[in-house]
C-alpha cells in the first residue's frame, strides 16, 4: 500500500485549472501513469506511482502549511494540458517529462472546452 493509495482522494469542486512546479530528484521519475488517445491533446492521469515526484508533491500538499494546496493534489482523472511551454502535444509533453528535471505542470479538471493555448503559456 503506497501513501498515495492511503490518502483521501479530494475532488475539488471549484479549482478547475492550476499549475505547479516540481523538481524530480536524481534517479527519480515523475511517478505518473498517463494515457492519451491519438486524437487527444492532453495526458490523462491514470494513477500515481509510489516513490515518484508526484507522490512527494501530493504528500507535501496534504500535510503542508498551506491548506489551499490540498486542492492541488494530483489524482486519477486529472488532465495534464501543459508541461513547461509545451501545450496540447502529448508526445512532446511526455518527452519533456522524461528529459527535464524541473517541470511546470498545468492541470485541467474542468468540464467543457479546454482553455485556449495562448492563456496557458506566459
Foldseek 3Di string as FASTA:
>chain_A
DAPVVVDDDDDDDPDFKDKDKWFWDPPAAQQFDWDDDPPFLWTFTQAGHHPHRLVVQQVCQVPHPDVVSPNVRDGGGKIWQDKQLDGSHVVVNVVCRVPGRMIMTMIGRDDDDDDDSVVVHD
